[in-house]
Amino acid sequence: MSAQNAGNADDAVDVQGEVADGYEPVREAFAENFRTRGETGAALTVHREGRIVVDLWGGSRNPAPDAEGDRGTGSGAWQSGTAAVVRSASKGPAAAVLHLLHQRGQLDLDAPVATYWPQFKANGKDRLLVRHVLAHRGGLPALEAPLTPEQAFDGVSGPSALAAQAPLWEPGTEHGYHPHTFGWLLGELVQRATGRPLGRWFAEEVARPLGLDIWFGLPRPGTGAAEHPSEAPASPPAPAAAPAAVDLARLADVPTPEPSAASGLRVRPKRAVTEAYGDHASLTRRAFDSIGPRPDENAPECLAAGLPGSGAIATARSLSRFYAALIGPLPDASRAPVAEGAVPAAGPGAGPGAGEGRRTVRSVQASGKRLFTPATLTQARSQESSGPDRVLVVNSRFGLGFMLHSPSAPMLAPGSFGHPGRGGSLAFADPESGTAVAYVTAAMQRSVTSDPRTHAVVRALRACL
């Protein structure tokens, strides 16, 4: 793509970054999200064989400030290092922790949960396996009574409620998406198996070695370090999970344009889906409303809680790099981390943002490591659940902790695995093509598992491979 064409394409939005030769259609699809698909602020990164081939960002990191202002969480243009809460795209990194513990011999995925958490076997859950939890087959998608935000963040109330209640179906026989309870279940398992909160384990064993800007819990104001709420007061403080100031986008609900028929997405959801989300007594609503009222995801206490199922904060660049490390070794950052022939997305004269993006890409910490062994990779993405989902009310596919490519959650190819985030974020890997993708947005639309914005960029990427 010539610099002149790149500049002309930016009339509607100031898209920054760069793409490798042959990936120009992905950049065009990303820009089109701002023009016609309601995007207001986002970033997109694609790795191929461990190297960045697409690295784009644009729009605003504060799409809809309220009357109280942005509370210091960001305003103005989205920058190369802007991070955002990725909602259920958090589930992929959280699930990876359990796979890595299994890989190290510290956690058996075929063991009953009660092996690590004795209180959990109450009310017929003595045979509920760790595997069932990861595959959304445990029968605990909703709580008998919703938690307040304060209870949800305390690290104790969620696990305690789940330990006490009975499953809604015999574990292992059916599946239904666990929007919130998944995070409490995984968090407690990691705490019991390792003595460390999931967020701390991820920071120390994954994020820090790979140089990832992914956090389960930001520092509380004035502390300089993340504090896992379930730690006893006498525990030593957790290591810093993030720098004192994170360039953080502010999530905001925005209108959702109707997708065109050409987008390949259903313009209107099935009637059964609409009715399930509209009925407060339905399992769907009870699962998604396990925290009530809905917490303010931009509030410091929510950002500090680091809920494993919905509260991770990440940049697109790091989330894509994480998935690249699951499927293969990361190359030395000093050896062309951006594929040869990469061109600026906004052309010459685009200002300091584009140059800053290129400098940052070339300074990414080298690793040479891969996170998953081939056996663990196969384990993570082997189908465990498929067919009617009792919560999502569509057909869904899950591996162990990861969603798998399906019509209701489209990724790159049948072998792709990862996780969308309700509202628009998406991150996944496709081992067969050696590709990792992350789309992070602040503009929360009404999508749950499939969003027109991510669908468009993935479809463009598919045509480039």
Protein backbone atom coordinates (compact mmCIF):
# COMPACT_ATOMS: atom_id res chain seq x y z
CA MET A 1 0.00 0.00 0.00
CA SER A 2 1.46 3.33 -0.97
CA ALA A 3 1.85 6.12 1.53
CA GLN A 4 -0.43 8.32 -0.57
CA ASN A 5 -3.26 5.78 -0.52
CA ALA A 6 -2.84 5.29 3.22
CA GLY A 7 -3.19 8.98 3.85
CA ASN A 8 -6.30 9.29 1.68
CA ALA A 9 -7.94 6.44 3.55
CA ASP A 10 -7.65 8.32 6.83
CA ASP A 11 -10.07 11.13 6.01
CA ALA A 12 -12.68 9.72 8.43
CA VAL A 13 -10.42 8.69 11.31
CA ASP A 14 -6.78 9.09 12.21
CA VAL A 15 -5.62 5.47 12.04
CA GLN A 16 -2.04 5.05 13.20
CA GLY A 17 0.44 2.19 13.06
CA GLU A 18 1.71 -0.03 10.28
CA VAL A 19 1.00 -3.15 8.28
CA ALA A 20 3.27 -5.53 6.38
CA ASP A 21 3.02 -5.80 2.62
CA GLY A 22 0.00 -7.87 1.68
CA TYR A 23 -2.02 -6.97 4.78
CA GLU A 24 -3.39 -3.65 3.52
CA PRO A 25 -6.99 -5.03 3.38
CA VAL A 26 -6.87 -5.55 7.15
CA ARG A 27 -5.97 -1.92 7.64
CA GLU A 28 -8.85 -0.88 5.36
CA ALA A 29 -11.30 -3.04 7.31
CA PHE A 30 -10.07 -1.53 10.58
CA ALA A 31 -10.58 2.01 9.23
CA GLU A 32 -14.02 1.05 7.92
CA ASN A 33 -15.03 0.08 11.45
CA PHE A 34 -14.84 3.76 12.38
CA ARG A 35 -16.69 4.92 9.27
CA THR A 36 -19.65 2.53 9.24
CA ARG A 37 -19.60 0.10 12.17
CA GLY A 38 -19.80 2.47 15.13
CA GLU A 39 -16.23 2.15 16.35
CA THR A 40 -14.94 5.07 18.42
CA GLY A 41 -11.60 3.85 19.78
CA ALA A 42 -9.70 0.59 19.26
CA ALA A 43 -6.44 -1.18 18.49
CA LEU A 44 -5.67 -4.24 16.38
CA THR A 45 -2.50 -6.36 16.35
CA VAL A 46 -1.76 -9.48 14.32
CA HIS A 47 1.27 -11.73 14.77
CA ARG A 48 2.36 -14.20 12.11
CA GLU A 49 4.95 -16.81 13.14
CA GLY A 50 5.67 -14.67 16.18
CA ARG A 51 6.26 -11.42 14.27
CA ILE A 52 3.95 -8.44 14.08
CA VAL A 53 2.39 -7.98 10.64
CA VAL A 54 -0.47 -5.65 11.61
CA ASP A 55 -0.27 -3.04 14.38
CA LEU A 56 -2.98 -0.39 14.23
CA TRP A 57 -4.84 1.96 16.54
CA GLY A 58 -7.14 4.94 16.25
CA GLY A 59 -10.04 6.91 17.58
CA SER A 60 -10.64 8.06 21.15
CA ARG A 61 -9.81 6.30 24.38
CA ASN A 62 -12.68 8.11 26.11
CA PRO A 63 -15.67 7.66 23.81
CA ALA A 64 -18.36 8.96 26.16
CA PRO A 65 -17.12 10.89 29.22
CA ASP A 66 -19.71 11.39 31.91
CA ALA A 67 -20.49 14.49 33.88
CA GLU A 68 -17.81 13.61 36.42
CA GLY A 69 -15.06 13.56 33.78
CA ASP A 70 -12.77 10.68 32.96
CA ARG A 71 -11.53 10.06 36.56
CA GLY A 72 -8.01 9.98 35.19
CA THR A 73 -8.67 6.87 33.08
CA GLY A 74 -7.84 8.53 29.79
CA SER A 75 -9.10 11.05 27.29
CA GLY A 76 -8.12 12.16 23.85
CA ALA A 77 -6.63 10.02 21.12
CA TRP A 78 -5.94 6.31 21.45
CA GLN A 79 -2.17 5.78 21.63
CA SER A 80 0.06 2.85 20.68
CA GLY A 81 0.19 1.68 24.30
CA THR A 82 -3.42 2.30 25.31
CA ALA A 83 -4.96 -0.57 27.26
CA ALA A 84 -8.58 -1.41 28.01
CA VAL A 85 -10.66 -3.83 30.03
CA VAL A 86 -11.29 -6.71 27.63
CA ARG A 87 -14.20 -8.29 29.49
CA SER A 88 -14.54 -12.00 28.68
CA ALA A 89 -11.46 -11.98 26.46
CA SER A 90 -9.89 -12.20 29.94
CA LYS A 91 -10.91 -15.86 30.05
CA GLY A 92 -8.18 -16.94 27.62
CA PRO A 93 -5.21 -15.73 29.70
CA ALA A 94 -6.94 -16.96 32.88
CA ALA A 95 -7.48 -20.43 31.43
CA ALA A 96 -3.86 -20.55 30.28
CA VAL A 97 -2.78 -20.38 33.92
CA LEU A 98 -4.51 -23.70 34.65
CA HIS A 99 -3.00 -25.30 31.56
CA LEU A 100 0.46 -24.14 32.57
CA LEU A 101 -0.04 -25.52 36.07
CA HIS A 102 -1.12 -28.82 34.54
CA GLN A 103 1.92 -28.71 32.25
CA ARG A 104 4.13 -28.29 35.34
CA GLY A 105 2.43 -31.09 37.25
CA GLN A 106 0.83 -28.78 39.81
CA LEU A 107 -2.82 -29.23 38.79
CA ASP A 108 -4.66 -32.23 37.36
CA LEU A 109 -7.41 -31.22 34.96
CA ASP A 110 -9.09 -34.62 35.42
CA ALA A 111 -9.19 -34.35 39.21
CA PRO A 112 -12.33 -33.32 41.10
CA VAL A 113 -12.35 -29.65 42.03
CA ALA A 114 -12.77 -30.76 45.65
CA THR A 115 -9.28 -32.30 45.53
CA TYR A 116 -7.95 -28.76 45.83
CA TRP A 117 -11.00 -27.12 47.39
CA PRO A 118 -12.62 -29.51 49.92
CA GLN A 119 -15.60 -27.26 50.69
CA PHE A 120 -16.63 -27.40 47.05
CA LYS A 121 -17.94 -30.97 47.16
CA ALA A 122 -21.13 -29.91 48.98
CA ASN A 123 -24.50 -30.48 47.31
CA GLY A 124 -23.53 -33.12 44.80
CA LYS A 125 -20.36 -31.55 43.40
CA ASP A 126 -17.91 -34.17 44.64
CA ARG A 127 -17.45 -35.50 41.08
CA LEU A 128 -17.31 -32.11 39.34
CA LEU A 129 -13.92 -32.07 37.60
CA VAL A 130 -11.54 -29.22 36.86
CA ARG A 131 -12.08 -30.16 33.22
CA HIS A 132 -15.82 -29.52 33.59
CA VAL A 133 -15.14 -26.02 34.92
CA LEU A 134 -12.89 -25.12 31.98
CA ALA A 135 -15.37 -26.50 29.43
CA HIS A 136 -18.42 -24.71 30.93
CA ARG A 137 -19.92 -28.10 31.79
CA GLY A 138 -20.04 -27.74 35.57
CA GLY A 139 -23.65 -26.59 35.85
CA LEU A 140 -22.81 -23.43 37.81
CA PRO A 141 -23.39 -20.59 35.31
CA ALA A 142 -25.42 -18.48 37.74
CA LEU A 143 -25.58 -17.84 41.46
CA GLU A 144 -28.68 -18.53 43.51
CA ALA A 145 -28.56 -14.88 44.59
CA PRO A 146 -26.59 -12.15 42.78
CA LEU A 147 -23.62 -10.57 44.50
CA THR A 148 -23.25 -6.86 44.99
CA PRO A 149 -20.21 -5.33 43.25
CA GLU A 150 -18.50 -5.09 46.64
CA GLN A 151 -19.03 -8.81 47.25
CA ALA A 152 -17.92 -9.66 43.72
CA PHE A 153 -14.65 -7.82 44.26
CA ASP A 154 -13.83 -9.17 47.74
CA GLY A 155 -12.40 -12.44 46.41
CA VAL A 156 -14.35 -14.51 48.96
CA SER A 157 -18.09 -14.17 48.39
CA GLY A 158 -18.14 -15.55 44.85
CA PRO A 159 -16.17 -18.74 45.59
CA SER A 160 -18.08 -19.27 48.85
CA ALA A 161 -21.45 -19.05 47.12
CA LEU A 162 -20.35 -21.50 44.42
CA ALA A 163 -18.99 -23.97 46.97
CA ALA A 164 -22.33 -24.03 48.76
CA GLN A 165 -24.80 -24.36 45.91
CA ALA A 166 -25.87 -27.35 43.85
CA PRO A 167 -25.21 -27.57 40.09
CA LEU A 168 -28.11 -26.88 37.76
CA TRP A 169 -27.38 -30.03 35.75
CA GLU A 170 -25.26 -33.12 36.28
CA PRO A 171 -21.69 -31.97 35.70
CA GLY A 172 -20.29 -33.11 32.39
CA THR A 173 -23.64 -33.87 30.74
CA GLU A 174 -24.47 -30.47 29.23
CA HIS A 175 -22.79 -27.13 28.72
CA GLY A 176 -23.75 -23.53 29.28
CA TYR A 177 -21.54 -20.47 29.25
CA HIS A 178 -20.43 -19.26 32.72
CA PRO A 179 -19.98 -15.48 32.24
CA HIS A 180 -18.97 -14.52 35.80
CA THR A 181 -18.73 -17.73 37.79
CA PHE A 182 -15.98 -19.06 35.50
CA GLY A 183 -13.60 -16.44 36.89
CA TRP A 184 -14.37 -17.15 40.53
CA LEU A 185 -13.95 -20.89 39.97
CA LEU A 186 -10.60 -20.52 38.20
CA GLY A 187 -9.34 -17.95 40.65
CA GLU A 188 -10.06 -20.14 43.66
CA LEU A 189 -8.50 -23.21 42.03
CA VAL A 190 -5.27 -21.34 41.33
CA GLN A 191 -5.20 -19.87 44.84
CA ARG A 192 -5.69 -23.31 46.39
CA ALA A 193 -3.19 -25.09 44.12
CA THR A 194 -0.39 -22.53 44.30
CA GLY A 195 -0.98 -20.25 47.27
CA ARG A 196 -0.93 -17.29 44.88
CA PRO A 197 -3.84 -15.33 43.42
CA LEU A 198 -4.35 -15.98 39.73
CA GLY A 199 -3.45 -12.39 38.87
CA ARG A 200 -0.17 -12.55 40.75
CA TRP A 201 0.70 -15.93 39.21
CA PHE A 202 0.02 -14.59 35.72
CA ALA A 203 2.08 -11.46 36.38
CA GLU A 204 5.07 -13.37 37.71
CA GLU A 205 5.06 -16.40 35.43
CA VAL A 206 3.68 -15.06 32.15
CA ALA A 207 3.38 -11.30 31.82
CA ARG A 208 6.74 -10.35 33.28
CA PRO A 209 8.88 -12.94 31.42
CA LEU A 210 7.21 -12.11 28.11
CA GLY A 211 7.03 -8.35 28.63
CA LEU A 212 3.24 -8.26 28.37
CA ASP A 213 1.04 -5.32 29.25
CA ILE A 214 -1.75 -7.58 30.55
CA TRP A 215 -2.93 -7.18 34.11
CA PHE A 216 -5.47 -8.87 36.35
CA GLY A 217 -5.84 -5.92 38.70
CA LEU A 218 -4.38 -2.43 38.44
CA PRO A 219 -2.75 -0.70 41.43
CA ARG A 220 -5.17 0.88 43.81
CA PRO A 221 -4.77 4.66 43.94
CA GLY A 222 -1.97 5.59 46.31
CA THR A 223 -0.62 2.05 46.80
CA GLY A 224 1.60 1.59 43.76
CA ALA A 225 0.81 -2.14 43.74
CA ALA A 226 -2.12 -4.35 42.94
CA GLU A 227 -3.75 -5.87 45.98
CA HIS A 228 -5.63 -9.11 45.51
CA PRO A 229 -8.75 -8.71 47.66
CA SER A 230 -8.75 -12.31 48.89
CA GLU A 231 -5.35 -12.02 50.56
CA ALA A 232 -5.31 -12.01 54.35
CA PRO A 233 -4.29 -8.64 55.80
CA ALA A 234 -1.07 -10.16 57.17
CA SER A 235 0.04 -11.36 53.73
CA PRO A 236 2.96 -9.55 52.13
CA PRO A 237 1.89 -7.07 49.48
CA ALA A 238 1.58 -8.43 45.97
CA PRO A 239 4.27 -7.40 43.50
CA ALA A 240 3.41 -4.49 41.29
CA ALA A 241 1.13 -5.71 38.52
CA ALA A 242 1.33 -2.51 36.49
CA PRO A 243 3.15 0.80 36.36
CA ALA A 244 1.78 3.59 38.52
CA ALA A 245 0.06 5.18 35.52
CA VAL A 246 -1.48 3.05 32.79
CA ASP A 247 -2.72 4.65 29.58
CA LEU A 248 -6.20 3.27 30.04
CA ALA A 249 -9.22 3.64 27.81
CA ARG A 250 -12.59 4.23 29.42
CA LEU A 251 -15.30 1.74 28.47
CA ALA A 252 -18.59 3.22 27.35
CA ASP A 253 -21.77 1.81 25.86
CA VAL A 254 -22.26 3.12 22.33
CA PRO A 255 -25.00 2.64 19.73
CA THR A 256 -24.74 -0.48 17.60
CA PRO A 257 -25.34 0.05 13.87
CA GLU A 258 -27.26 -2.74 12.20
CA PRO A 259 -24.78 -4.88 10.23
CA SER A 260 -25.37 -5.10 6.51
CA ALA A 261 -26.38 -8.38 4.93
CA ALA A 262 -22.95 -8.43 3.24
CA SER A 263 -21.22 -8.61 6.62
CA GLY A 264 -22.06 -12.29 6.96
CA LEU A 265 -23.61 -11.73 10.40
CA ARG A 266 -27.26 -12.18 11.26
CA VAL A 267 -28.79 -8.70 11.18
CA ARG A 268 -31.17 -9.51 14.02
CA PRO A 269 -30.75 -12.22 16.67
CA LYS A 270 -33.04 -15.19 16.75
CA ARG A 271 -36.25 -14.65 18.66
CA ALA A 272 -35.26 -17.22 21.31
CA VAL A 273 -32.05 -15.30 21.99
CA THR A 274 -33.85 -11.97 22.28
CA GLU A 275 -36.41 -13.46 24.64
CA ALA A 276 -33.73 -15.09 26.82
CA TYR A 277 -31.86 -11.83 27.31
CA GLY A 278 -35.12 -9.96 27.94
CA ASP A 279 -36.46 -12.34 30.58
CA HIS A 280 -35.03 -11.58 34.03
CA ALA A 281 -35.97 -15.08 35.20
CA SER A 282 -34.15 -16.87 32.36
CA LEU A 283 -30.91 -18.71 32.98
CA THR A 284 -29.29 -16.39 30.44
CA ARG A 285 -30.12 -13.25 32.39
CA ARG A 286 -29.37 -14.84 35.76
CA ALA A 287 -25.95 -15.91 34.50
CA PHE A 288 -25.04 -12.49 33.12
CA ASP A 289 -26.61 -10.77 36.13
CA SER A 290 -24.63 -12.71 38.75
CA ILE A 291 -23.36 -9.31 39.83
CA GLY A 292 -26.07 -6.77 40.49
CA PRO A 293 -26.31 -3.94 39.98
CA ARG A 294 -23.91 -3.92 37.06
CA PRO A 295 -20.58 -2.61 38.36
CA ASP A 296 -18.86 0.48 37.00
CA GLU A 297 -16.00 -1.14 35.09
CA ASN A 298 -14.08 2.15 35.02
CA ALA A 299 -14.12 2.56 38.81
CA PRO A 300 -10.78 2.08 40.63
CA GLU A 301 -12.18 -0.70 42.82
CA CYS A 302 -13.31 -2.67 39.76
CA LEU A 303 -10.01 -2.14 37.95
CA ALA A 304 -8.13 -3.29 41.06
CA ALA A 305 -10.26 -6.42 41.53
CA GLY A 306 -8.91 -8.08 38.38
CA LEU A 307 -11.79 -10.55 38.00
CA PRO A 308 -10.31 -13.50 36.06
CA GLY A 309 -13.42 -13.99 33.96
CA SER A 310 -14.02 -10.41 32.89
CA GLY A 311 -11.60 -7.91 34.41
CA ALA A 312 -8.25 -8.25 32.64
CA ILE A 313 -6.73 -5.06 31.27
CA ALA A 314 -4.61 -5.40 28.14
CA THR A 315 -3.19 -3.74 25.08
CA ALA A 316 -3.91 -5.31 21.71
CA ARG A 317 -0.20 -5.71 21.09
CA SER A 318 0.35 -7.71 24.29
CA LEU A 319 -2.81 -9.78 23.99
CA SER A 320 -1.82 -10.83 20.47
CA ARG A 321 1.72 -11.53 21.65
CA PHE A 322 0.33 -13.71 24.43
CA TYR A 323 -1.56 -15.87 21.93
CA ALA A 324 1.49 -15.96 19.64
CA ALA A 325 3.48 -17.38 22.57
CA LEU A 326 0.86 -20.11 23.11
CA ILE A 327 1.38 -21.56 19.64
CA GLY A 328 5.07 -21.03 18.95
CA PRO A 329 8.32 -19.42 20.02
CA LEU A 330 8.63 -15.66 19.82
CA PRO A 331 11.56 -14.50 17.68
CA ASP A 332 14.33 -12.24 18.87
CA ALA A 333 12.89 -8.72 18.88
CA SER A 334 16.14 -7.40 17.39
CA ARG A 335 15.57 -9.44 14.22
CA ALA A 336 12.79 -7.71 12.25
CA PRO A 337 9.91 -7.98 14.76
CA VAL A 338 7.74 -6.30 12.16
CA ALA A 339 7.66 -8.25 8.93
CA GLU A 340 9.81 -6.91 6.12
CA GLY A 341 7.98 -4.42 3.95
CA ALA A 342 5.85 -2.99 6.74
CA VAL A 343 4.49 0.42 5.85
CA PRO A 344 2.99 3.17 8.04
CA ALA A 345 -0.78 3.04 8.18
CA ALA A 346 -1.08 6.79 7.96
CA GLY A 347 1.80 7.56 5.59
CA PRO A 348 4.56 10.14 5.98
CA GLY A 349 3.81 13.27 7.94
CA ALA A 350 1.30 11.50 10.14
CA GLY A 351 2.76 13.06 13.24
CA PRO A 352 4.49 11.62 16.30
CA GLY A 353 1.94 8.86 16.87
CA ALA A 354 3.00 6.78 13.89
CA GLY A 355 6.70 7.12 14.63
CA GLU A 356 6.10 6.31 18.26
CA GLY A 357 4.25 3.17 17.24
CA ARG A 358 7.16 1.94 15.12
CA ARG A 359 9.70 2.63 17.88
CA THR A 360 7.59 0.77 20.39
CA VAL A 361 7.18 -2.26 18.14
CA ARG A 362 10.93 -2.54 17.70
CA SER A 363 11.58 -2.27 21.43
CA VAL A 364 9.28 -5.13 22.47
CA GLN A 365 11.09 -7.43 24.89
CA ALA A 366 12.51 -10.51 23.22
CA SER A 367 11.73 -13.93 24.64
CA GLY A 368 12.32 -16.85 22.30
CA LYS A 369 9.96 -18.85 24.55
CA ARG A 370 6.68 -20.59 23.87
CA LEU A 371 4.18 -21.06 26.66
CA PHE A 372 2.41 -24.27 25.66
CA THR A 373 4.06 -27.53 24.77
CA PRO A 374 2.50 -29.24 21.72
CA ALA A 375 0.60 -31.57 24.05
CA THR A 376 -0.80 -28.67 26.08
CA LEU A 377 -1.78 -26.82 22.92
CA THR A 378 -3.70 -29.87 21.71
CA GLN A 379 -5.32 -30.23 25.12
CA ALA A 380 -6.43 -26.58 25.28
CA ARG A 381 -8.15 -26.50 21.91
CA SER A 382 -9.60 -30.00 21.67
CA GLN A 383 -13.36 -29.79 21.58
CA GLU A 384 -14.99 -30.49 24.93
CA SER A 385 -18.40 -28.87 24.43
CA SER A 386 -20.45 -28.41 21.28
CA GLY A 387 -24.08 -27.84 20.42
CA PRO A 388 -26.91 -26.01 22.18
CA ASP A 389 -25.61 -23.72 24.89
CA ARG A 390 -28.03 -23.45 27.82
CA VAL A 391 -26.97 -19.87 28.56
CA LEU A 392 -26.11 -18.32 25.19
CA VAL A 393 -29.14 -20.02 23.53
CA VAL A 394 -27.12 -20.67 20.36
CA ASN A 395 -24.81 -23.48 19.37
CA SER A 396 -21.37 -22.92 20.86
CA ARG A 397 -18.04 -24.76 20.91
CA PHE A 398 -15.50 -24.82 23.74
CA GLY A 399 -12.16 -26.40 24.35
CA LEU A 400 -10.73 -26.25 27.85
CA GLY A 401 -11.18 -22.63 28.82
CA PHE A 402 -11.13 -21.34 25.26
CA MET A 403 -13.94 -20.78 22.79
CA LEU A 404 -13.46 -22.51 19.46
CA HIS A 405 -14.30 -21.17 16.01
CA SER A 406 -17.99 -21.55 15.17
CA PRO A 407 -20.72 -19.64 13.31
CA SER A 408 -21.77 -18.02 16.58
CA ALA A 409 -18.18 -17.05 17.49
CA PRO A 410 -16.26 -16.78 14.21
CA MET A 411 -12.48 -16.68 14.28
CA LEU A 412 -10.00 -17.36 11.50
CA ALA A 413 -10.45 -21.07 10.78
CA PRO A 414 -11.85 -24.28 12.30
CA GLY A 415 -8.69 -24.80 14.37
CA SER A 416 -8.72 -21.32 15.91
CA PHE A 417 -9.13 -20.94 19.67
CA GLY A 418 -9.43 -17.90 21.92
CA HIS A 419 -12.19 -15.79 23.42
CA PRO A 420 -14.36 -12.78 22.59
CA GLY A 421 -15.28 -10.14 25.12
CA ARG A 422 -18.87 -8.97 25.38
CA GLY A 423 -19.09 -5.60 23.67
CA GLY A 424 -16.41 -6.03 21.00
CA SER A 425 -12.96 -7.23 22.08
CA LEU A 426 -11.56 -10.48 20.65
CA ALA A 427 -8.30 -12.41 20.93
CA PHE A 428 -7.36 -15.79 19.50
CA ALA A 429 -4.71 -17.91 17.82
CA ASP A 430 -4.79 -20.11 14.75
CA PRO A 431 -1.96 -22.66 15.01
CA GLU A 432 -2.32 -23.97 11.47
CA SER A 433 -1.50 -20.55 9.96
CA GLY A 434 0.76 -19.47 12.82
CA THR A 435 -1.44 -16.42 13.41
CA ALA A 436 -2.44 -14.58 16.59
CA VAL A 437 -4.96 -11.73 16.66
CA ALA A 438 -6.19 -9.22 19.23
CA TYR A 439 -8.78 -6.48 18.84
CA VAL A 440 -9.28 -4.23 21.88
CA THR A 441 -11.97 -1.56 22.01
CA ALA A 442 -13.47 0.97 24.40
CA ALA A 443 -16.76 1.17 22.48
CA MET A 444 -19.08 -1.39 24.03
CA GLN A 445 -21.74 -2.46 21.56
CA ARG A 446 -24.43 -5.05 22.22
CA SER A 447 -22.53 -8.04 20.80
CA VAL A 448 -21.79 -11.05 23.00
CA THR A 449 -19.77 -13.60 21.01
CA SER A 450 -19.68 -12.13 17.51
CA ASP A 451 -19.16 -8.46 16.67
CA PRO A 452 -19.34 -6.91 13.16
CA ARG A 453 -16.10 -4.98 13.76
CA THR A 454 -13.98 -8.02 14.61
CA HIS A 455 -15.79 -10.10 12.01
CA ALA A 456 -14.77 -7.58 9.34
CA VAL A 457 -11.08 -7.46 10.24
CA VAL A 458 -10.84 -11.24 10.61
CA ARG A 459 -12.50 -11.76 7.25
CA ALA A 460 -10.02 -9.35 5.67
CA LEU A 461 -7.13 -11.14 7.38
CA ARG A 462 -8.35 -14.51 6.16
CA ALA A 463 -8.18 -13.25 2.58
CA CYS A 464 -4.57 -12.12 3.12
CA LEU A 465 -3.24 -15.47 4.32
